[in-house]
Amino acid sequence: MNKIQEVKNKQKLIRVFSLLTGQVTQIESDEVKTMDEWQVPLTKEFPQSCRKCYGRGYIGHHRLPGEDEEDKQLVPCPSCMKKCVDEALARSLMEAKLGGPTITPDELVTKTLSGSV
């Protein structure tokens, strides 16, 4: 095994949930700063026993006003987002991208469910 492969094996993989596609993927820790703004870092997998989303991470789709039928946004599951999102990492990434304090993930879920985002 060469040194490059050893370094790659030692890098930490982080689970990421996409709010556009609903897929959970893993990225290396050094790629976190280049994540898309629609990707949310997770601390653990969504529980399969969730009564709202059944482990998908979202409870449905929301069509944005003035958008086509194909342009739908996933509505995140409030209970799973509170339990599984790496809030500290998400907050630090949002502050770094926006240059100041941002809303909490709980506020984001509330605004998304109310349709004000």
PDB file of N, CA and C in Angstrom:
ATOM      1  N   MET A   1       0.849  -1.175   0.000  1.00  0.00           N
ATOM      2  CA  MET A   1       0.000   0.000   0.000  1.00  0.00           C
ATOM      3  C   MET A   1       0.899   1.244   0.000  1.00  0.00           C
ATOM      4  N   ASN A   2       0.638   2.171  -0.905  1.00  0.00           N
ATOM      5  CA  ASN A   2       1.470   3.366  -0.932  1.00  0.00           C
ATOM      6  C   ASN A   2       0.936   4.418   0.037  1.00  0.00           C
ATOM      7  N   LYS A   3       1.670   5.510   0.186  1.00  0.00           N
ATOM      8  CA  LYS A   3       1.332   6.520   1.195  1.00  0.00           C
ATOM      9  C   LYS A   3       0.041   7.255   0.874  1.00  0.00           C
ATOM     10  N   ILE A   4      -0.259   7.454  -0.406  1.00  0.00           N
ATOM     11  CA  ILE A   4      -1.493   8.150  -0.779  1.00  0.00           C
ATOM     12  C   ILE A   4      -2.711   7.330  -0.360  1.00  0.00           C
ATOM     13  N   GLN A   5      -2.679   6.033  -0.580  1.00  0.00           N
ATOM     14  CA  GLN A   5      -3.793   5.179  -0.185  1.00  0.00           C
ATOM     15  C   GLN A   5      -3.934   5.146   1.337  1.00  0.00           C
ATOM     16  N   GLU A   6      -2.826   5.156   2.058  1.00  0.00           N
ATOM     17  CA  GLU A   6      -2.882   5.157   3.520  1.00  0.00           C
ATOM     18  C   GLU A   6      -3.537   6.431   4.038  1.00  0.00           C
ATOM     19  N   VAL A   7      -3.191   7.570   3.443  1.00  0.00           N
ATOM     20  CA  VAL A   7      -3.784   8.845   3.862  1.00  0.00           C
ATOM     21  C   VAL A   7      -5.276   8.856   3.563  1.00  0.00           C
ATOM     22  N   LYS A   8      -5.671   8.351   2.389  1.00  0.00           N
ATOM     23  CA  LYS A   8      -7.091   8.315   2.043  1.00  0.00           C
ATOM     24  C   LYS A   8      -7.868   7.415   2.991  1.00  0.00           C
ATOM     25  N   ASN A   9      -7.263   6.303   3.414  1.00  0.00           N
ATOM     26  CA  ASN A   9      -7.932   5.398   4.338  1.00  0.00           C
ATOM     27  C   ASN A   9      -8.107   6.024   5.713  1.00  0.00           C
ATOM     28  N   LYS A  10      -7.211   6.926   6.093  1.00  0.00           N
ATOM     29  CA  LYS A  10      -7.282   7.554   7.411  1.00  0.00           C
ATOM     30  C   LYS A  10      -8.252   8.729   7.450  1.00  0.00           C
ATOM     31  N   GLN A  11      -8.610   9.298   6.270  1.00  0.00           N
ATOM     32  CA  GLN A  11      -9.526  10.428   6.252  1.00  0.00           C
ATOM     33  C   GLN A  11     -10.918   9.986   6.699  1.00  0.00           C
ATOM     34  N   LYS A  12     -11.560  10.863   7.411  1.00  0.00           N
ATOM     35  CA  LYS A  12     -12.874  10.560   7.942  1.00  0.00           C
ATOM     36  C   LYS A  12     -13.948  10.791   6.874  1.00  0.00           C
ATOM     37  N   LEU A  13     -14.879   9.864   6.759  1.00  0.00           N
ATOM     38  CA  LEU A  13     -16.006  10.017   5.849  1.00  0.00           C
ATOM     39  C   LEU A  13     -17.184  10.602   6.616  1.00  0.00           C
ATOM     40  N   ILE A  14     -17.864  11.553   5.999  1.00  0.00           N
ATOM     41  CA  ILE A  14     -18.996  12.232   6.626  1.00  0.00           C
ATOM     42  C   ILE A  14     -20.241  11.957   5.793  1.00  0.00           C
ATOM     43  N   ARG A  15     -21.327  11.564   6.459  1.00  0.00           N
ATOM     44  CA  ARG A  15     -22.603  11.350   5.770  1.00  0.00           C
ATOM     45  C   ARG A  15     -23.222  12.706   5.460  1.00  0.00           C
ATOM     46  N   VAL A  16     -23.787  12.808   4.263  1.00  0.00           N
ATOM     47  CA  VAL A  16     -24.407  14.054   3.809  1.00  0.00           C
ATOM     48  C   VAL A  16     -25.758  13.722   3.194  1.00  0.00           C
ATOM     49  N   PHE A  17     -26.795  14.499   3.564  1.00  0.00           N
ATOM     50  CA  PHE A  17     -28.145  14.328   3.038  1.00  0.00           C
ATOM     51  C   PHE A  17     -28.423  15.453   2.049  1.00  0.00           C
ATOM     52  N   SER A  18     -28.886  15.111   0.855  1.00  0.00           N
ATOM     53  CA  SER A  18     -29.212  16.105  -0.159  1.00  0.00           C
ATOM     54  C   SER A  18     -30.690  16.459  -0.070  1.00  0.00           C
ATOM     55  N   LEU A  19     -30.979  17.744   0.108  1.00  0.00           N
ATOM     56  CA  LEU A  19     -32.365  18.198   0.170  1.00  0.00           C
ATOM     57  C   LEU A  19     -33.009  18.251  -1.212  1.00  0.00           C
ATOM     58  N   LEU A  20     -32.225  18.110  -2.274  1.00  0.00           N
ATOM     59  CA  LEU A  20     -32.782  18.104  -3.627  1.00  0.00           C
ATOM     60  C   LEU A  20     -33.176  16.709  -4.078  1.00  0.00           C
ATOM     61  N   THR A  21     -32.322  15.726  -3.806  1.00  0.00           N
ATOM     62  CA  THR A  21     -32.578  14.378  -4.306  1.00  0.00           C
ATOM     63  C   THR A  21     -33.063  13.412  -3.232  1.00  0.00           C
ATOM     64  N   GLY A  22     -32.803  13.709  -1.962  1.00  0.00           N
ATOM     65  CA  GLY A  22     -33.187  12.813  -0.878  1.00  0.00           C
ATOM     66  C   GLY A  22     -32.202  11.688  -0.654  1.00  0.00           C
ATOM     67  N   GLN A  23     -31.048  11.731  -1.294  1.00  0.00           N
ATOM     68  CA  GLN A  23     -30.062  10.667  -1.158  1.00  0.00           C
ATOM     69  C   GLN A  23     -29.072  10.995  -0.056  1.00  0.00           C
ATOM     70  N   VAL A  24     -28.624   9.957   0.632  1.00  0.00           N
ATOM     71  CA  VAL A  24     -27.574  10.094   1.636  1.00  0.00           C
ATOM     72  C   VAL A  24     -26.292   9.555   1.010  1.00  0.00           C
ATOM     73  N   THR A  25     -25.257  10.377   0.973  1.00  0.00           N
ATOM     74  CA  THR A  25     -23.966   9.975   0.421  1.00  0.00           C
ATOM     75  C   THR A  25     -22.885  10.216   1.459  1.00  0.00           C
ATOM     76  N   GLN A  26     -21.706   9.725   1.183  1.00  0.00           N
ATOM     77  CA  GLN A  26     -20.570   9.960   2.068  1.00  0.00           C
ATOM     78  C   GLN A  26     -19.508  10.735   1.312  1.00  0.00           C
ATOM     79  N   ILE A  27     -18.945  11.747   1.964  1.00  0.00           N
ATOM     80  CA  ILE A  27     -17.852  12.514   1.378  1.00  0.00           C
ATOM     81  C   ILE A  27     -16.698  12.531   2.369  1.00  0.00           C
ATOM     82  N   GLU A  28     -15.510  12.806   1.867  1.00  0.00           N
ATOM     83  CA  GLU A  28     -14.340  12.884   2.741  1.00  0.00           C
ATOM     84  C   GLU A  28     -14.374  14.198   3.505  1.00  0.00           C
ATOM     85  N   SER A  29     -13.766  14.209   4.677  1.00  0.00           N
ATOM     86  CA  SER A  29     -13.826  15.377   5.548  1.00  0.00           C
ATOM     87  C   SER A  29     -13.185  16.616   4.928  1.00  0.00           C
ATOM     88  N   ASP A  30     -12.201  16.434   4.036  1.00  0.00           N
ATOM     89  CA  ASP A  30     -11.580  17.608   3.431  1.00  0.00           C
ATOM     90  C   ASP A  30     -12.435  18.214   2.324  1.00  0.00           C
ATOM     91  N   GLU A  31     -13.504  17.537   1.894  1.00  0.00           N
ATOM     92  CA  GLU A  31     -14.410  18.053   0.869  1.00  0.00           C
ATOM     93  C   GLU A  31     -15.629  18.764   1.459  1.00  0.00           C
ATOM     94  N   VAL A  32     -15.705  18.851   2.765  1.00  0.00           N
ATOM     95  CA  VAL A  32     -16.882  19.430   3.415  1.00  0.00           C
ATOM     96  C   VAL A  32     -17.064  20.893   3.036  1.00  0.00           C
ATOM     97  N   LYS A  33     -16.001  21.637   2.920  1.00  0.00           N
ATOM     98  CA  LYS A  33     -16.115  23.071   2.626  1.00  0.00           C
ATOM     99  C   LYS A  33     -16.592  23.337   1.204  1.00  0.00           C
ATOM    100  N   THR A  34     -16.525  22.347   0.332  1.00  0.00           N
ATOM    101  CA  THR A  34     -16.979  22.531  -1.045  1.00  0.00           C
ATOM    102  C   THR A  34     -18.359  21.929  -1.282  1.00  0.00           C
ATOM    103  N   MET A  35     -19.070  21.602  -0.208  1.00  0.00           N
ATOM    104  CA  MET A  35     -20.411  21.025  -0.339  1.00  0.00           C
ATOM    105  C   MET A  35     -21.365  22.041  -0.949  1.00  0.00           C
ATOM    106  N   ASP A  36     -22.388  21.519  -1.594  1.00  0.00           N
ATOM    107  CA  ASP A  36     -23.467  22.345  -2.108  1.00  0.00           C
ATOM    108  C   ASP A  36     -24.311  22.839  -0.931  1.00  0.00           C
ATOM    109  N   GLU A  37     -24.964  23.982  -1.085  1.00  0.00           N
ATOM    110  CA  GLU A  37     -25.761  24.507   0.034  1.00  0.00           C
ATOM    111  C   GLU A  37     -27.003  23.677   0.316  1.00  0.00           C
ATOM    112  N   TRP A  38     -27.362  22.775  -0.590  1.00  0.00           N
ATOM    113  CA  TRP A  38     -28.509  21.903  -0.373  1.00  0.00           C
ATOM    114  C   TRP A  38     -28.122  20.589   0.290  1.00  0.00           C
ATOM    115  N   GLN A  39     -26.869  20.449   0.688  1.00  0.00           N
ATOM    116  CA  GLN A  39     -26.419  19.239   1.358  1.00  0.00           C
ATOM    117  C   GLN A  39     -26.266  19.516   2.852  1.00  0.00           C
ATOM    118  N   VAL A  40     -26.748  18.579   3.651  1.00  0.00           N
ATOM    119  CA  VAL A  40     -26.756  18.741   5.102  1.00  0.00           C
ATOM    120  C   VAL A  40     -25.917  17.624   5.730  1.00  0.00           C
ATOM    121  N   PRO A  41     -24.931  17.974   6.567  1.00  0.00           N
ATOM    122  CA  PRO A  41     -24.128  16.924   7.210  1.00  0.00           C
ATOM    123  C   PRO A  41     -24.927  16.206   8.299  1.00  0.00           C
ATOM    124  N   LEU A  42     -24.733  14.908   8.407  1.00  0.00           N
ATOM    125  CA  LEU A  42     -25.464  14.093   9.376  1.00  0.00           C
ATOM    126  C   LEU A  42     -24.509  13.496  10.403  1.00  0.00           C
ATOM    127  N   THR A  43     -25.025  13.264  11.614  1.00  0.00           N
ATOM    128  CA  THR A  43     -24.249  12.583  12.644  1.00  0.00           C
ATOM    129  C   THR A  43     -24.505  11.086  12.627  1.00  0.00           C
ATOM    130  N   LYS A  44     -25.701  10.694  12.173  1.00  0.00           N
ATOM    131  CA  LYS A  44     -26.070   9.278  12.113  1.00  0.00           C
ATOM    132  C   LYS A  44     -27.134   9.091  11.040  1.00  0.00           C
ATOM    133  N   GLU A  45     -27.466   7.839  10.755  1.00  0.00           N
ATOM    134  CA  GLU A  45     -28.486   7.537   9.758  1.00  0.00           C
ATOM    135  C   GLU A  45     -29.870   7.881  10.301  1.00  0.00           C
ATOM    136  N   PHE A  46     -30.802   8.125   9.387  1.00  0.00           N
ATOM    137  CA  PHE A  46     -32.182   8.377   9.795  1.00  0.00           C
ATOM    138  C   PHE A  46     -32.776   7.086  10.338  1.00  0.00           C
ATOM    139  N   PRO A  47     -33.501   7.146  11.468  1.00  0.00           N
ATOM    140  CA  PRO A  47     -34.069   5.922  12.038  1.00  0.00           C
ATOM    141  C   PRO A  47     -35.205   5.364  11.174  1.00  0.00           C
ATOM    142  N   GLN A  48     -35.157   4.074  10.901  1.00  0.00           N
ATOM    143  CA  GLN A  48     -36.193   3.421  10.101  1.00  0.00           C
ATOM    144  C   GLN A  48     -37.538   3.393  10.836  1.00  0.00           C
ATOM    145  N   SER A  49     -37.505   3.609  12.138  1.00  0.00           N
ATOM    146  CA  SER A  49     -38.729   3.550  12.931  1.00  0.00           C
ATOM    147  C   SER A  49     -39.463   4.893  13.012  1.00  0.00           C
ATOM    148  N   CYS A  50     -39.001   5.899  12.281  1.00  0.00           N
ATOM    149  CA  CYS A  50     -39.663   7.213  12.311  1.00  0.00           C
ATOM    150  C   CYS A  50     -41.067   7.075  11.720  1.00  0.00           C
ATOM    151  N   ARG A  51     -42.063   7.580  12.434  1.00  0.00           N
ATOM    152  CA  ARG A  51     -43.447   7.445  11.983  1.00  0.00           C
ATOM    153  C   ARG A  51     -43.823   8.474  10.923  1.00  0.00           C
ATOM    154  N   LYS A  52     -42.975   9.481  10.732  1.00  0.00           N
ATOM    155  CA  LYS A  52     -43.283  10.514   9.736  1.00  0.00           C
ATOM    156  C   LYS A  52     -42.637  10.224   8.388  1.00  0.00           C
ATOM    157  N   CYS A  53     -41.374   9.815   8.405  1.00  0.00           N
ATOM    158  CA  CYS A  53     -40.652   9.659   7.129  1.00  0.00           C
ATOM    159  C   CYS A  53     -40.202   8.225   6.851  1.00  0.00           C
ATOM    160  N   TYR A  54     -40.307   7.328   7.821  1.00  0.00           N
ATOM    161  CA  TYR A  54     -39.915   5.921   7.670  1.00  0.00           C
ATOM    162  C   TYR A  54     -38.445   5.762   7.275  1.00  0.00           C
ATOM    163  N   GLY A  55     -37.607   6.708   7.734  1.00  0.00           N
ATOM    164  CA  GLY A  55     -36.171   6.615   7.491  1.00  0.00           C
ATOM    165  C   GLY A  55     -35.688   7.266   6.211  1.00  0.00           C
ATOM    166  N   ARG A  56     -36.577   7.950   5.479  1.00  0.00           N
ATOM    167  CA  ARG A  56     -36.158   8.608   4.231  1.00  0.00           C
ATOM    168  C   ARG A  56     -35.487   9.948   4.498  1.00  0.00           C
ATOM    169  N   GLY A  57     -35.894  10.643   5.565  1.00  0.00           N
ATOM    170  CA  GLY A  57     -35.345  11.957   5.870  1.00  0.00           C
ATOM    171  C   GLY A  57     -36.221  13.094   5.383  1.00  0.00           C
ATOM    172  N   TYR A  58     -37.245  12.785   4.606  1.00  0.00           N
ATOM    173  CA  TYR A  58     -38.179  13.810   4.138  1.00  0.00           C
ATOM    174  C   TYR A  58     -39.596  13.262   4.191  1.00  0.00           C
ATOM    175  N   ILE A  59     -40.562  14.173   4.327  1.00  0.00           N
ATOM    176  CA  ILE A  59     -41.953  13.742   4.483  1.00  0.00           C
ATOM    177  C   ILE A  59     -42.792  13.991   3.235  1.00  0.00           C
ATOM    178  N   GLY A  60     -42.226  14.634   2.256  1.00  0.00           N
ATOM    179  CA  GLY A  60     -42.960  14.880   1.016  1.00  0.00           C
ATOM    180  C   GLY A  60     -42.246  15.901   0.153  1.00  0.00           C
ATOM    181  N   HIS A  61     -42.988  16.400  -0.841  1.00  0.00           N
ATOM    182  CA  HIS A  61     -42.453  17.397  -1.753  1.00  0.00           C
ATOM    183  C   HIS A  61     -43.279  18.668  -1.653  1.00  0.00           C
ATOM    184  N   HIS A  62     -42.623  19.790  -1.904  1.00  0.00           N
ATOM    185  CA  HIS A  62     -43.283  21.091  -1.861  1.00  0.00           C
ATOM    186  C   HIS A  62     -42.953  21.802  -3.163  1.00  0.00           C
ATOM    187  N   ARG A  63     -43.994  22.172  -3.915  1.00  0.00           N
ATOM    188  CA  ARG A  63     -43.757  22.903  -5.157  1.00  0.00           C
ATOM    189  C   ARG A  63     -43.625  24.380  -4.833  1.00  0.00           C
ATOM    190  N   LEU A  64     -42.554  24.972  -5.303  1.00  0.00           N
ATOM    191  CA  LEU A  64     -42.316  26.385  -5.053  1.00  0.00           C
ATOM    192  C   LEU A  64     -43.250  27.224  -5.917  1.00  0.00           C
ATOM    193  N   PRO A  65     -43.779  28.343  -5.385  1.00  0.00           N
ATOM    194  CA  PRO A  65     -44.693  29.176  -6.166  1.00  0.00           C
ATOM    195  C   PRO A  65     -44.000  29.712  -7.425  1.00  0.00           C
ATOM    196  N   GLY A  66     -44.698  29.630  -8.550  1.00  0.00           N
ATOM    197  CA  GLY A  66     -44.160  30.145  -9.796  1.00  0.00           C
ATOM    198  C   GLY A  66     -43.188  29.212 -10.489  1.00  0.00           C
ATOM    199  N   GLU A  67     -42.978  28.021  -9.963  1.00  0.00           N
ATOM    200  CA  GLU A  67     -42.048  27.064 -10.564  1.00  0.00           C
ATOM    201  C   GLU A  67     -42.818  26.003 -11.345  1.00  0.00           C
ATOM    202  N   ASP A  68     -42.116  25.275 -12.191  1.00  0.00           N
ATOM    203  CA  ASP A  68     -42.722  24.194 -12.965  1.00  0.00           C
ATOM    204  C   ASP A  68     -43.077  23.030 -12.056  1.00  0.00           C
ATOM    205  N   GLU A  69     -43.888  22.126 -12.585  1.00  0.00           N
ATOM    206  CA  GLU A  69     -44.258  20.929 -11.830  1.00  0.00           C
ATOM    207  C   GLU A  69     -43.039  20.098 -11.469  1.00  0.00           C
ATOM    208  N   GLU A  70     -42.029  20.093 -12.341  1.00  0.00           N
ATOM    209  CA  GLU A  70     -40.849  19.268 -12.119  1.00  0.00           C
ATOM    210  C   GLU A  70     -39.946  19.830 -11.023  1.00  0.00           C
ATOM    211  N   ASP A  71     -40.043  21.123 -10.765  1.00  0.00           N
ATOM    212  CA  ASP A  71     -39.187  21.763  -9.765  1.00  0.00           C
ATOM    213  C   ASP A  71     -39.835  21.676  -8.396  1.00  0.00           C
ATOM    214  N   LYS A  72     -39.531  20.610  -7.695  1.00  0.00           N
ATOM    215  CA  LYS A  72     -40.089  20.407  -6.364  1.00  0.00           C
ATOM    216  C   LYS A  72     -38.960  20.370  -5.349  1.00  0.00           C
ATOM    217  N   GLN A  73     -39.268  20.834  -4.166  1.00  0.00           N
ATOM    218  CA  GLN A  73     -38.303  20.833  -3.069  1.00  0.00           C
ATOM    219  C   GLN A  73     -38.758  19.811  -2.037  1.00  0.00           C
ATOM    220  N   LEU A  74     -37.826  19.045  -1.513  1.00  0.00           N
ATOM    221  CA  LEU A  74     -38.167  18.072  -0.484  1.00  0.00           C
ATOM    222  C   LEU A  74     -38.481  18.791   0.824  1.00  0.00           C
ATOM    223  N   VAL A  75     -39.467  18.300   1.537  1.00  0.00           N
ATOM    224  CA  VAL A  75     -39.793  18.820   2.860  1.00  0.00           C
ATOM    225  C   VAL A  75     -39.113  17.912   3.877  1.00  0.00           C
ATOM    226  N   PRO A  76     -38.089  18.418   4.584  1.00  0.00           N
ATOM    227  CA  PRO A  76     -37.365  17.560   5.528  1.00  0.00           C
ATOM    228  C   PRO A  76     -38.233  17.140   6.703  1.00  0.00           C
ATOM    229  N   CYS A  77     -37.965  15.958   7.223  1.00  0.00           N
ATOM    230  CA  CYS A  77     -38.686  15.439   8.389  1.00  0.00           C
ATOM    231  C   CYS A  77     -38.203  16.192   9.629  1.00  0.00           C
ATOM    232  N   PRO A  78     -39.077  16.894  10.336  1.00  0.00           N
ATOM    233  CA  PRO A  78     -38.638  17.696  11.488  1.00  0.00           C
ATOM    234  C   PRO A  78     -37.992  16.866  12.595  1.00  0.00           C
ATOM    235  N   SER A  79     -38.558  15.696  12.882  1.00  0.00           N
ATOM    236  CA  SER A  79     -38.008  14.912  13.989  1.00  0.00           C
ATOM    237  C   SER A  79     -36.643  14.323  13.631  1.00  0.00           C
ATOM    238  N   CYS A  80     -36.478  13.846  12.413  1.00  0.00           N
ATOM    239  CA  CYS A  80     -35.178  13.280  12.014  1.00  0.00           C
ATOM    240  C   CYS A  80     -34.119  14.361  11.877  1.00  0.00           C
ATOM    241  N   MET A  81     -34.503  15.538  11.400  1.00  0.00           N
ATOM    242  CA  MET A  81     -33.524  16.620  11.260  1.00  0.00           C
ATOM    243  C   MET A  81     -32.990  17.047  12.629  1.00  0.00           C
ATOM    244  N   LYS A  82     -33.857  17.050  13.635  1.00  0.00           N
ATOM    245  CA  LYS A  82     -33.409  17.425  14.982  1.00  0.00           C
ATOM    246  C   LYS A  82     -32.468  16.376  15.562  1.00  0.00           C
ATOM    247  N   LYS A  83     -32.723  15.103  15.250  1.00  0.00           N
ATOM    248  CA  LYS A  83     -31.930  14.013  15.832  1.00  0.00           C
ATOM    249  C   LYS A  83     -30.640  13.735  15.079  1.00  0.00           C
ATOM    250  N   CYS A  84     -30.636  13.918  13.763  1.00  0.00           N
ATOM    251  CA  CYS A  84     -29.547  13.392  12.942  1.00  0.00           C
ATOM    252  C   CYS A  84     -28.624  14.425  12.307  1.00  0.00           C
ATOM    253  N   VAL A  85     -29.019  15.695  12.260  1.00  0.00           N
ATOM    254  CA  VAL A  85     -28.179  16.702  11.607  1.00  0.00           C
ATOM    255  C   VAL A  85     -27.039  17.109  12.532  1.00  0.00           C
ATOM    256  N   ASP A  86     -25.846  17.202  11.962  1.00  0.00           N
ATOM    257  CA  ASP A  86     -24.678  17.692  12.693  1.00  0.00           C
ATOM    258  C   ASP A  86     -24.789  19.219  12.743  1.00  0.00           C
ATOM    259  N   GLU A  87     -25.496  19.708  13.763  1.00  0.00           N
ATOM    260  CA  GLU A  87     -25.839  21.124  13.840  1.00  0.00           C
ATOM    261  C   GLU A  87     -24.612  22.023  13.931  1.00  0.00           C
ATOM    262  N   ALA A  88     -23.610  21.621  14.682  1.00  0.00           N
ATOM    263  CA  ALA A  88     -22.414  22.449  14.833  1.00  0.00           C
ATOM    264  C   ALA A  88     -21.688  22.605  13.498  1.00  0.00           C
ATOM    265  N   LEU A  89     -21.532  21.525  12.761  1.00  0.00           N
ATOM    266  CA  LEU A  89     -20.859  21.592  11.465  1.00  0.00           C
ATOM    267  C   LEU A  89     -21.691  22.371  10.460  1.00  0.00           C
ATOM    268  N   ALA A  90     -22.992  22.152  10.443  1.00  0.00           N
ATOM    269  CA  ALA A  90     -23.867  22.872   9.519  1.00  0.00           C
ATOM    270  C   ALA A  90     -23.835  24.370   9.790  1.00  0.00           C
ATOM    271  N   ARG A  91     -23.886  24.748  11.058  1.00  0.00           N
ATOM    272  CA  ARG A  91     -23.862  26.163  11.417  1.00  0.00           C
ATOM    273  C   ARG A  91     -22.533  26.805  11.015  1.00  0.00           C
ATOM    274  N   SER A  92     -21.419  26.126  11.280  1.00  0.00           N
ATOM    275  CA  SER A  92     -20.121  26.710  10.944  1.00  0.00           C
ATOM    276  C   SER A  92     -19.951  26.854   9.433  1.00  0.00           C
ATOM    277  N   LEU A  93     -20.468  25.888   8.658  1.00  0.00           N
ATOM    278  CA  LEU A  93     -20.391  25.982   7.200  1.00  0.00           C
ATOM    279  C   LEU A  93     -21.255  27.122   6.671  1.00  0.00           C
ATOM    280  N   MET A  94     -22.458  27.279   7.224  1.00  0.00           N
ATOM    281  CA  MET A  94     -23.341  28.349   6.766  1.00  0.00           C
ATOM    282  C   MET A  94     -22.767  29.712   7.122  1.00  0.00           C
ATOM    283  N   GLU A  95     -22.197  29.838   8.308  1.00  0.00           N
ATOM    284  CA  GLU A  95     -21.601  31.109   8.698  1.00  0.00           C
ATOM    285  C   GLU A  95     -20.395  31.432   7.829  1.00  0.00           C
ATOM    286  N   ALA A  96     -19.610  30.423   7.474  1.00  0.00           N
ATOM    287  CA  ALA A  96     -18.438  30.657   6.627  1.00  0.00           C
ATOM    288  C   ALA A  96     -18.853  31.096   5.226  1.00  0.00           C
ATOM    289  N   LYS A  97     -19.920  30.505   4.699  1.00  0.00           N
ATOM    290  CA  LYS A  97     -20.371  30.868   3.355  1.00  0.00           C
ATOM    291  C   LYS A  97     -21.058  32.219   3.322  1.00  0.00           C
ATOM    292  N   LEU A  98     -21.826  32.522   4.363  1.00  0.00           N
ATOM    293  CA  LEU A  98     -22.595  33.757   4.368  1.00  0.00           C
ATOM    294  C   LEU A  98     -21.896  34.902   5.090  1.00  0.00           C
ATOM    295  N   GLY A  99     -20.850  34.603   5.828  1.00  0.00           N
ATOM    296  CA  GLY A  99     -20.082  35.648   6.489  1.00  0.00           C
ATOM    297  C   GLY A  99     -20.708  36.213   7.754  1.00  0.00           C
ATOM    298  N   GLY A 100     -21.555  35.463   8.410  1.00  0.00           N
ATOM    299  CA  GLY A 100     -22.153  35.948   9.651  1.00  0.00           C
ATOM    300  C   GLY A 100     -23.077  34.912  10.248  1.00  0.00           C
ATOM    301  N   PRO A 101     -23.731  35.234  11.374  1.00  0.00           N
ATOM    302  CA  PRO A 101     -24.639  34.280  12.017  1.00  0.00           C
ATOM    303  C   PRO A 101     -25.824  33.960  11.108  1.00  0.00           C
ATOM    304  N   THR A 102     -26.300  32.738  11.209  1.00  0.00           N
ATOM    305  CA  THR A 102     -27.395  32.282  10.364  1.00  0.00           C
ATOM    306  C   THR A 102     -28.486  31.667  11.233  1.00  0.00           C
ATOM    307  N   ILE A 103     -29.543  31.205  10.568  1.00  0.00           N
ATOM    308  CA  ILE A 103     -30.637  30.569  11.300  1.00  0.00           C
ATOM    309  C   ILE A 103     -30.233  29.162  11.694  1.00  0.00           C
ATOM    310  N   THR A 104     -30.884  28.641  12.710  1.00  0.00           N
ATOM    311  CA  THR A 104     -30.599  27.277  13.170  1.00  0.00           C
ATOM    312  C   THR A 104     -31.334  26.285  12.268  1.00  0.00           C
ATOM    313  N   PRO A 105     -30.917  25.012  12.263  1.00  0.00           N
ATOM    314  CA  PRO A 105     -31.636  24.013  11.471  1.00  0.00           C
ATOM    315  C   PRO A 105     -33.106  23.879  11.879  1.00  0.00           C
ATOM    316  N   ASP A 106     -33.415  24.060  13.167  1.00  0.00           N
ATOM    317  CA  ASP A 106     -34.811  24.006  13.600  1.00  0.00           C
ATOM    318  C   ASP A 106     -35.617  25.124  12.949  1.00  0.00           C
ATOM    319  N   GLU A 107     -35.028  26.324  12.878  1.00  0.00           N
ATOM    320  CA  GLU A 107     -35.706  27.448  12.235  1.00  0.00           C
ATOM    321  C   GLU A 107     -35.868  27.194  10.741  1.00  0.00           C
ATOM    322  N   LEU A 108     -34.873  26.547  10.119  1.00  0.00           N
ATOM    323  CA  LEU A 108     -34.953  26.220   8.705  1.00  0.00           C
ATOM    324  C   LEU A 108     -36.095  25.250   8.433  1.00  0.00           C
ATOM    325  N   VAL A 109     -36.237  24.222   9.271  1.00  0.00           N
ATOM    326  CA  VAL A 109     -37.322  23.258   9.102  1.00  0.00           C
ATOM    327  C   VAL A 109     -38.667  23.949   9.287  1.00  0.00           C
ATOM    328  N   THR A 110     -38.785  24.805  10.301  1.00  0.00           N
ATOM    329  CA  THR A 110     -40.037  25.522  10.544  1.00  0.00           C
ATOM    330  C   THR A 110     -40.394  26.411   9.367  1.00  0.00           C
ATOM    331  N   LYS A 111     -39.416  27.138   8.837  1.00  0.00           N
ATOM    332  CA  LYS A 111     -39.674  28.009   7.699  1.00  0.00           C
ATOM    333  C   LYS A 111     -40.005  27.215   6.445  1.00  0.00           C
ATOM    334  N   THR A 112     -39.355  26.077   6.254  1.00  0.00           N
ATOM    335  CA  THR A 112     -39.629  25.243   5.085  1.00  0.00           C
ATOM    336  C   THR A 112     -41.052  24.697   5.152  1.00  0.00           C
ATOM    337  N   LEU A 113     -41.467  24.228   6.335  1.00  0.00           N
ATOM    338  CA  LEU A 113     -42.821  23.680   6.481  1.00  0.00           C
ATOM    339  C   LEU A 113     -43.877  24.761   6.325  1.00  0.00           C
ATOM    340  N   SER A 114     -43.569  25.992   6.729  1.00  0.00           N
ATOM    341  CA  SER A 114     -44.536  27.068   6.603  1.00  0.00           C
ATOM    342  C   SER A 114     -44.559  27.657   5.192  1.00  0.00           C
ATOM    343  N   GLY A 115     -43.533  27.322   4.375  1.00  0.00           N
ATOM    344  CA  GLY A 115     -43.487  27.804   3.002  1.00  0.00           C
ATOM    345  C   GLY A 115     -42.849  29.165   2.849  1.00  0.00           C
ATOM    346  N   SER A 116     -42.177  29.663   3.873  1.00  0.00           N
ATOM    347  CA  SER A 116     -41.589  31.004   3.774  1.00  0.00           C
ATOM    348  C   SER A 116     -40.146  30.987   3.279  1.00  0.00           C
ATOM    349  N   VAL A 117     -39.596  29.810   2.981  1.00  0.00           N
ATOM    350  CA  VAL A 117     -38.224  29.738   2.430  1.00  0.00           C
ATOM    351  C   VAL A 117     -38.309  29.588   0.938  1.00  0.00           C
TER     352      VAL A 117
END
